Amino acid sequence: VQLQASGGGLVQAGGSLRLSCIVPGSRFRFNHMGWYRQAPGKERVLVATITGIGSTNYADSVKGRFTISRDNAKNTVYLQMNNLKPEDTAVYYCNYVSVPKMLPWGQGTQVTVSS
């Protein structure tokens, strides 16, 4: 069982990327999902969440620029990232929000924003 995040890359400041994450298992559609990121030398932090029915929440640092969404039929969660800033540079991961439900962390996807 492994989470598969993809869609990262190198972009200039102000650019956009769309991340995708396939989540294995049958409980995906019923649970809160989150996108997390870990910058070099820093702890992993939660940046966006979405409930099973689509209610969303965002960290202040990304509010108004990032949009989380999900497709329950495809067991996939997305993160649309617009107006990217150099401080958004990090490895991005998806996982359940509830710690007891978390799956092993996958490799994540690297996002690098140049100034």
N, C-alpha and C. Protein backbone atom coordinates (compact mmCIF):
# COMPACT_ATOMS: atom_id res chain seq x y z
N VAL A 1 0.86 -1.18 0.00
CA VAL A 1 0.00 0.00 0.00
C VAL A 1 0.89 1.23 0.00
N GLN A 2 0.78 2.04 -1.04
CA GLN A 2 1.65 3.21 -1.14
C GLN A 2 0.88 4.36 -1.78
N LEU A 3 1.04 5.54 -1.19
CA LEU A 3 0.46 6.73 -1.75
C LEU A 3 1.33 7.22 -2.90
N GLN A 4 0.68 7.60 -3.99
CA GLN A 4 1.41 8.00 -5.19
C GLN A 4 1.07 9.44 -5.54
N ALA A 5 1.95 10.34 -5.14
CA ALA A 5 1.79 11.74 -5.49
C ALA A 5 2.59 12.04 -6.74
N SER A 6 2.04 12.90 -7.59
CA SER A 6 2.72 13.26 -8.83
C SER A 6 2.33 14.67 -9.24
N GLY A 7 3.03 15.19 -10.23
CA GLY A 7 2.70 16.50 -10.78
C GLY A 7 3.64 17.62 -10.40
N GLY A 8 4.61 17.34 -9.56
CA GLY A 8 5.55 18.37 -9.16
C GLY A 8 6.50 18.73 -10.29
N GLY A 9 7.34 19.72 -10.02
CA GLY A 9 8.30 20.15 -11.02
C GLY A 9 8.94 21.45 -10.64
N LEU A 10 9.65 22.02 -11.60
CA LEU A 10 10.33 23.30 -11.42
C LEU A 10 9.54 24.37 -12.17
N VAL A 11 9.14 25.41 -11.45
CA VAL A 11 8.41 26.50 -12.07
C VAL A 11 8.97 27.83 -11.57
N GLN A 12 8.71 28.87 -12.32
CA GLN A 12 9.09 30.21 -11.89
C GLN A 12 8.03 30.76 -10.95
N ALA A 13 8.43 31.69 -10.13
CA ALA A 13 7.47 32.36 -9.25
C ALA A 13 6.32 32.93 -10.07
N GLY A 14 5.12 32.74 -9.56
CA GLY A 14 3.93 33.17 -10.27
C GLY A 14 3.30 32.08 -11.12
N GLY A 15 4.00 30.99 -11.29
CA GLY A 15 3.51 29.89 -12.10
C GLY A 15 2.53 29.00 -11.35
N SER A 16 2.10 27.94 -12.05
CA SER A 16 1.09 27.03 -11.50
C SER A 16 1.51 25.58 -11.70
N LEU A 17 1.04 24.75 -10.80
CA LEU A 17 1.19 23.31 -10.91
C LEU A 17 -0.07 22.65 -10.37
N ARG A 18 -0.35 21.45 -10.87
CA ARG A 18 -1.46 20.66 -10.33
C ARG A 18 -0.93 19.31 -9.88
N LEU A 19 -1.05 19.06 -8.62
CA LEU A 19 -0.59 17.80 -8.04
C LEU A 19 -1.75 16.81 -7.98
N SER A 20 -1.42 15.54 -8.11
CA SER A 20 -2.41 14.47 -7.99
C SER A 20 -1.88 13.43 -7.03
N CYS A 21 -2.78 12.74 -6.38
CA CYS A 21 -2.37 11.67 -5.46
C CYS A 21 -3.42 10.58 -5.47
N ILE A 22 -3.00 9.39 -5.84
CA ILE A 22 -3.89 8.22 -5.82
C ILE A 22 -3.79 7.56 -4.46
N VAL A 23 -4.93 7.31 -3.86
CA VAL A 23 -4.99 6.75 -2.51
C VAL A 23 -5.61 5.36 -2.57
N PRO A 24 -4.87 4.32 -2.28
CA PRO A 24 -5.42 2.97 -2.36
C PRO A 24 -6.39 2.70 -1.22
N GLY A 25 -7.34 1.79 -1.47
CA GLY A 25 -8.24 1.37 -0.40
C GLY A 25 -9.65 1.88 -0.59
N SER A 26 -10.56 1.21 0.12
CA SER A 26 -11.99 1.49 -0.06
C SER A 26 -12.50 2.58 0.86
N ARG A 27 -11.71 3.02 1.83
CA ARG A 27 -12.23 4.01 2.77
C ARG A 27 -11.95 5.45 2.35
N PHE A 28 -11.35 5.63 1.19
CA PHE A 28 -10.96 6.96 0.74
C PHE A 28 -12.14 7.93 0.75
N ARG A 29 -13.25 7.51 0.17
CA ARG A 29 -14.34 8.44 -0.06
C ARG A 29 -15.00 8.92 1.22
N PHE A 30 -14.75 8.26 2.33
CA PHE A 30 -15.44 8.61 3.58
C PHE A 30 -14.61 9.47 4.51
N ASN A 31 -13.38 9.74 4.13
CA ASN A 31 -12.46 10.34 5.09
C ASN A 31 -11.81 11.63 4.60
N HIS A 32 -11.45 12.46 5.61
CA HIS A 32 -10.70 13.67 5.36
C HIS A 32 -9.35 13.31 4.72
N MET A 33 -9.03 14.04 3.68
CA MET A 33 -7.71 13.92 3.07
C MET A 33 -6.98 15.24 3.20
N GLY A 34 -5.66 15.15 3.20
CA GLY A 34 -4.88 16.37 3.30
C GLY A 34 -3.67 16.35 2.37
N TRP A 35 -3.25 17.54 2.01
CA TRP A 35 -1.96 17.72 1.36
C TRP A 35 -1.01 18.33 2.39
N TYR A 36 0.16 17.76 2.46
CA TYR A 36 1.19 18.19 3.38
C TYR A 36 2.42 18.59 2.57
N ARG A 37 3.30 19.37 3.19
CA ARG A 37 4.56 19.66 2.53
C ARG A 37 5.68 19.74 3.56
N GLN A 38 6.85 19.41 3.08
CA GLN A 38 8.03 19.44 3.93
C GLN A 38 9.15 20.15 3.19
N ALA A 39 9.50 21.32 3.69
CA ALA A 39 10.60 22.08 3.11
C ALA A 39 11.92 21.58 3.69
N PRO A 40 13.02 21.82 3.00
CA PRO A 40 14.32 21.35 3.49
C PRO A 40 14.62 21.85 4.90
N GLY A 41 14.95 20.92 5.78
CA GLY A 41 15.30 21.29 7.15
C GLY A 41 14.13 21.62 8.05
N LYS A 42 12.92 21.42 7.56
CA LYS A 42 11.73 21.76 8.35
C LYS A 42 10.83 20.55 8.51
N GLU A 43 9.90 20.65 9.44
CA GLU A 43 8.97 19.57 9.66
C GLU A 43 7.88 19.57 8.58
N ARG A 44 7.26 18.42 8.43
CA ARG A 44 6.14 18.30 7.52
C ARG A 44 4.93 19.03 8.10
N VAL A 45 4.26 19.83 7.28
CA VAL A 45 3.10 20.59 7.74
C VAL A 45 1.91 20.36 6.81
N LEU A 46 0.74 20.49 7.39
CA LEU A 46 -0.50 20.33 6.65
C LEU A 46 -0.87 21.66 5.99
N VAL A 47 -1.16 21.64 4.69
CA VAL A 47 -1.46 22.89 4.01
C VAL A 47 -2.90 22.97 3.51
N ALA A 48 -3.55 21.83 3.29
CA ALA A 48 -4.93 21.87 2.79
C ALA A 48 -5.63 20.56 3.15
N THR A 49 -6.92 20.66 3.46
CA THR A 49 -7.70 19.47 3.77
C THR A 49 -9.03 19.51 3.03
N ILE A 50 -9.59 18.33 2.84
CA ILE A 50 -10.90 18.21 2.21
C ILE A 50 -11.64 17.05 2.84
N THR A 51 -12.91 17.26 3.18
CA THR A 51 -13.71 16.19 3.75
C THR A 51 -14.23 15.28 2.65
N GLY A 52 -14.88 14.20 3.06
CA GLY A 52 -15.44 13.27 2.10
C GLY A 52 -16.49 13.89 1.19
N ILE A 53 -17.14 14.96 1.67
CA ILE A 53 -18.17 15.60 0.85
C ILE A 53 -17.70 16.92 0.26
N GLY A 54 -16.41 17.22 0.40
CA GLY A 54 -15.85 18.33 -0.34
C GLY A 54 -15.64 19.64 0.40
N SER A 55 -15.85 19.67 1.70
CA SER A 55 -15.55 20.89 2.45
C SER A 55 -14.05 21.04 2.59
N THR A 56 -13.55 22.25 2.40
CA THR A 56 -12.10 22.46 2.36
C THR A 56 -11.63 23.43 3.43
N ASN A 57 -10.34 23.33 3.72
CA ASN A 57 -9.70 24.24 4.66
C ASN A 57 -8.24 24.38 4.26
N TYR A 58 -7.67 25.56 4.53
CA TYR A 58 -6.31 25.85 4.05
C TYR A 58 -5.49 26.54 5.13
N ALA A 59 -4.20 26.27 5.09
CA ALA A 59 -3.29 27.04 5.91
C ALA A 59 -3.25 28.48 5.39
N ASP A 60 -3.01 29.41 6.29
CA ASP A 60 -2.98 30.81 5.89
C ASP A 60 -1.96 31.08 4.79
N SER A 61 -0.87 30.34 4.80
CA SER A 61 0.21 30.58 3.85
C SER A 61 -0.18 30.27 2.41
N VAL A 62 -1.24 29.48 2.21
CA VAL A 62 -1.62 29.09 0.85
C VAL A 62 -3.04 29.52 0.50
N LYS A 63 -3.75 30.07 1.44
CA LYS A 63 -5.14 30.45 1.23
C LYS A 63 -5.25 31.46 0.09
N GLY A 64 -6.19 31.20 -0.82
CA GLY A 64 -6.38 32.08 -1.96
C GLY A 64 -5.52 31.73 -3.16
N ARG A 65 -4.54 30.83 -2.96
CA ARG A 65 -3.65 30.44 -4.07
C ARG A 65 -3.77 28.95 -4.41
N PHE A 66 -4.03 28.13 -3.40
CA PHE A 66 -4.13 26.68 -3.60
C PHE A 66 -5.59 26.25 -3.49
N THR A 67 -5.94 25.22 -4.27
CA THR A 67 -7.28 24.64 -4.20
C THR A 67 -7.16 23.13 -4.15
N ILE A 68 -7.73 22.55 -3.11
CA ILE A 68 -7.76 21.10 -2.98
C ILE A 68 -9.09 20.58 -3.48
N SER A 69 -9.05 19.43 -4.16
CA SER A 69 -10.28 18.81 -4.65
C SER A 69 -10.08 17.30 -4.65
N ARG A 70 -11.15 16.58 -4.88
CA ARG A 70 -11.05 15.13 -4.89
C ARG A 70 -12.02 14.53 -5.89
N ASP A 71 -11.68 13.34 -6.36
CA ASP A 71 -12.55 12.54 -7.21
C ASP A 71 -12.69 11.19 -6.54
N ASN A 72 -13.80 10.99 -5.86
CA ASN A 72 -13.97 9.75 -5.10
C ASN A 72 -14.05 8.52 -6.00
N ALA A 73 -14.52 8.69 -7.21
CA ALA A 73 -14.59 7.55 -8.14
C ALA A 73 -13.21 7.07 -8.56
N LYS A 74 -12.23 7.96 -8.48
CA LYS A 74 -10.87 7.62 -8.90
C LYS A 74 -9.91 7.50 -7.71
N ASN A 75 -10.45 7.60 -6.50
CA ASN A 75 -9.58 7.56 -5.31
C ASN A 75 -8.40 8.52 -5.45
N THR A 76 -8.69 9.72 -5.90
CA THR A 76 -7.63 10.68 -6.18
C THR A 76 -7.95 12.02 -5.53
N VAL A 77 -6.92 12.62 -4.97
CA VAL A 77 -7.03 13.97 -4.43
C VAL A 77 -6.06 14.86 -5.20
N TYR A 78 -6.47 16.11 -5.43
CA TYR A 78 -5.70 17.03 -6.25
C TYR A 78 -5.34 18.28 -5.44
N LEU A 79 -4.29 18.94 -5.88
CA LEU A 79 -3.94 20.25 -5.33
C LEU A 79 -3.54 21.16 -6.49
N GLN A 80 -4.41 22.11 -6.78
CA GLN A 80 -4.10 23.11 -7.79
C GLN A 80 -3.38 24.25 -7.09
N MET A 81 -2.19 24.57 -7.56
CA MET A 81 -1.35 25.58 -6.93
C MET A 81 -1.10 26.70 -7.93
N ASN A 82 -1.59 27.87 -7.61
CA ASN A 82 -1.42 29.04 -8.47
C ASN A 82 -0.58 30.10 -7.77
N ASN A 83 -0.05 31.02 -8.55
CA ASN A 83 0.77 32.11 -8.01
C ASN A 83 1.82 31.56 -7.04
N LEU A 84 2.54 30.59 -7.49
CA LEU A 84 3.53 29.95 -6.63
C LEU A 84 4.64 30.91 -6.24
N LYS A 85 5.14 30.71 -5.02
CA LYS A 85 6.20 31.55 -4.47
C LYS A 85 7.39 30.67 -4.12
N PRO A 86 8.59 31.24 -4.06
CA PRO A 86 9.76 30.44 -3.68
C PRO A 86 9.58 29.71 -2.35
N GLU A 87 8.85 30.30 -1.43
CA GLU A 87 8.64 29.65 -0.12
C GLU A 87 7.70 28.45 -0.21
N ASP A 88 7.10 28.21 -1.36
CA ASP A 88 6.29 27.00 -1.55
C ASP A 88 7.17 25.79 -1.91
N THR A 89 8.45 26.02 -2.13
CA THR A 89 9.36 24.93 -2.46
C THR A 89 9.39 23.90 -1.34
N ALA A 90 9.09 22.66 -1.69
CA ALA A 90 9.00 21.58 -0.70
C ALA A 90 8.68 20.29 -1.42
N VAL A 91 8.76 19.20 -0.68
CA VAL A 91 8.21 17.93 -1.14
C VAL A 91 6.78 17.86 -0.64
N TYR A 92 5.85 17.58 -1.53
CA TYR A 92 4.43 17.55 -1.22
C TYR A 92 3.95 16.11 -1.13
N TYR A 93 3.15 15.85 -0.11
CA TYR A 93 2.60 14.53 0.15
C TYR A 93 1.10 14.64 0.37
N CYS A 94 0.41 13.54 0.12
CA CYS A 94 -0.98 13.46 0.54
C CYS A 94 -1.10 12.34 1.56
N ASN A 95 -2.12 12.42 2.38
CA ASN A 95 -2.42 11.37 3.35
C ASN A 95 -3.73 11.70 4.04
N TYR A 96 -4.24 10.76 4.78
CA TYR A 96 -5.40 11.03 5.61
C TYR A 96 -5.03 12.08 6.66
N VAL A 97 -6.04 12.80 7.12
CA VAL A 97 -5.81 13.80 8.15
C VAL A 97 -5.75 13.15 9.53
N SER A 98 -6.57 12.16 9.74
CA SER A 98 -6.60 11.46 11.03
C SER A 98 -5.37 10.58 11.17
N VAL A 99 -4.58 10.84 12.19
CA VAL A 99 -3.32 10.10 12.36
C VAL A 99 -3.52 8.59 12.43
N PRO A 100 -4.52 8.08 13.17
CA PRO A 100 -4.68 6.62 13.22
C PRO A 100 -5.02 6.00 11.86
N LYS A 101 -5.53 6.82 10.93
CA LYS A 101 -5.91 6.29 9.62
C LYS A 101 -4.82 6.47 8.58
N MET A 102 -3.76 7.16 8.94
CA MET A 102 -2.73 7.45 7.94
C MET A 102 -2.10 6.20 7.37
N LEU A 103 -1.81 6.27 6.08
CA LEU A 103 -1.07 5.24 5.39
C LEU A 103 0.41 5.58 5.43
N PRO A 104 1.26 4.60 5.16
CA PRO A 104 2.70 4.91 5.08
C PRO A 104 2.93 6.02 4.06
N TRP A 105 3.81 6.95 4.42
CA TRP A 105 4.06 8.07 3.53
C TRP A 105 4.78 7.58 2.27
N GLY A 106 4.30 8.04 1.14
CA GLY A 106 4.99 7.73 -0.10
C GLY A 106 6.20 8.64 -0.28
N GLN A 107 6.74 8.68 -1.47
CA GLN A 107 7.92 9.50 -1.73
C GLN A 107 7.59 10.97 -1.90
N GLY A 108 6.32 11.27 -2.14
CA GLY A 108 5.95 12.65 -2.36
C GLY A 108 6.37 13.11 -3.75
N THR A 109 6.09 14.38 -4.01
CA THR A 109 6.48 14.96 -5.29
C THR A 109 7.14 16.31 -5.03
N GLN A 110 8.28 16.53 -5.65
CA GLN A 110 9.07 17.73 -5.39
C GLN A 110 8.51 18.92 -6.17
N VAL A 111 8.31 20.02 -5.47
CA VAL A 111 7.93 21.28 -6.09
C VAL A 111 9.04 22.28 -5.81
N THR A 112 9.59 22.85 -6.87
CA THR A 112 10.64 23.84 -6.73
C THR A 112 10.22 25.11 -7.47
N VAL A 113 10.20 26.21 -6.73
CA VAL A 113 9.79 27.49 -7.31
C VAL A 113 10.98 28.43 -7.32
N SER A 114 11.36 28.86 -8.49
CA SER A 114 12.50 29.75 -8.62
C SER A 114 12.03 31.20 -8.62
N SER A 115 12.88 32.06 -8.09
CA SER A 115 12.51 33.48 -8.02
C SER A 115 12.92 34.24 -9.28
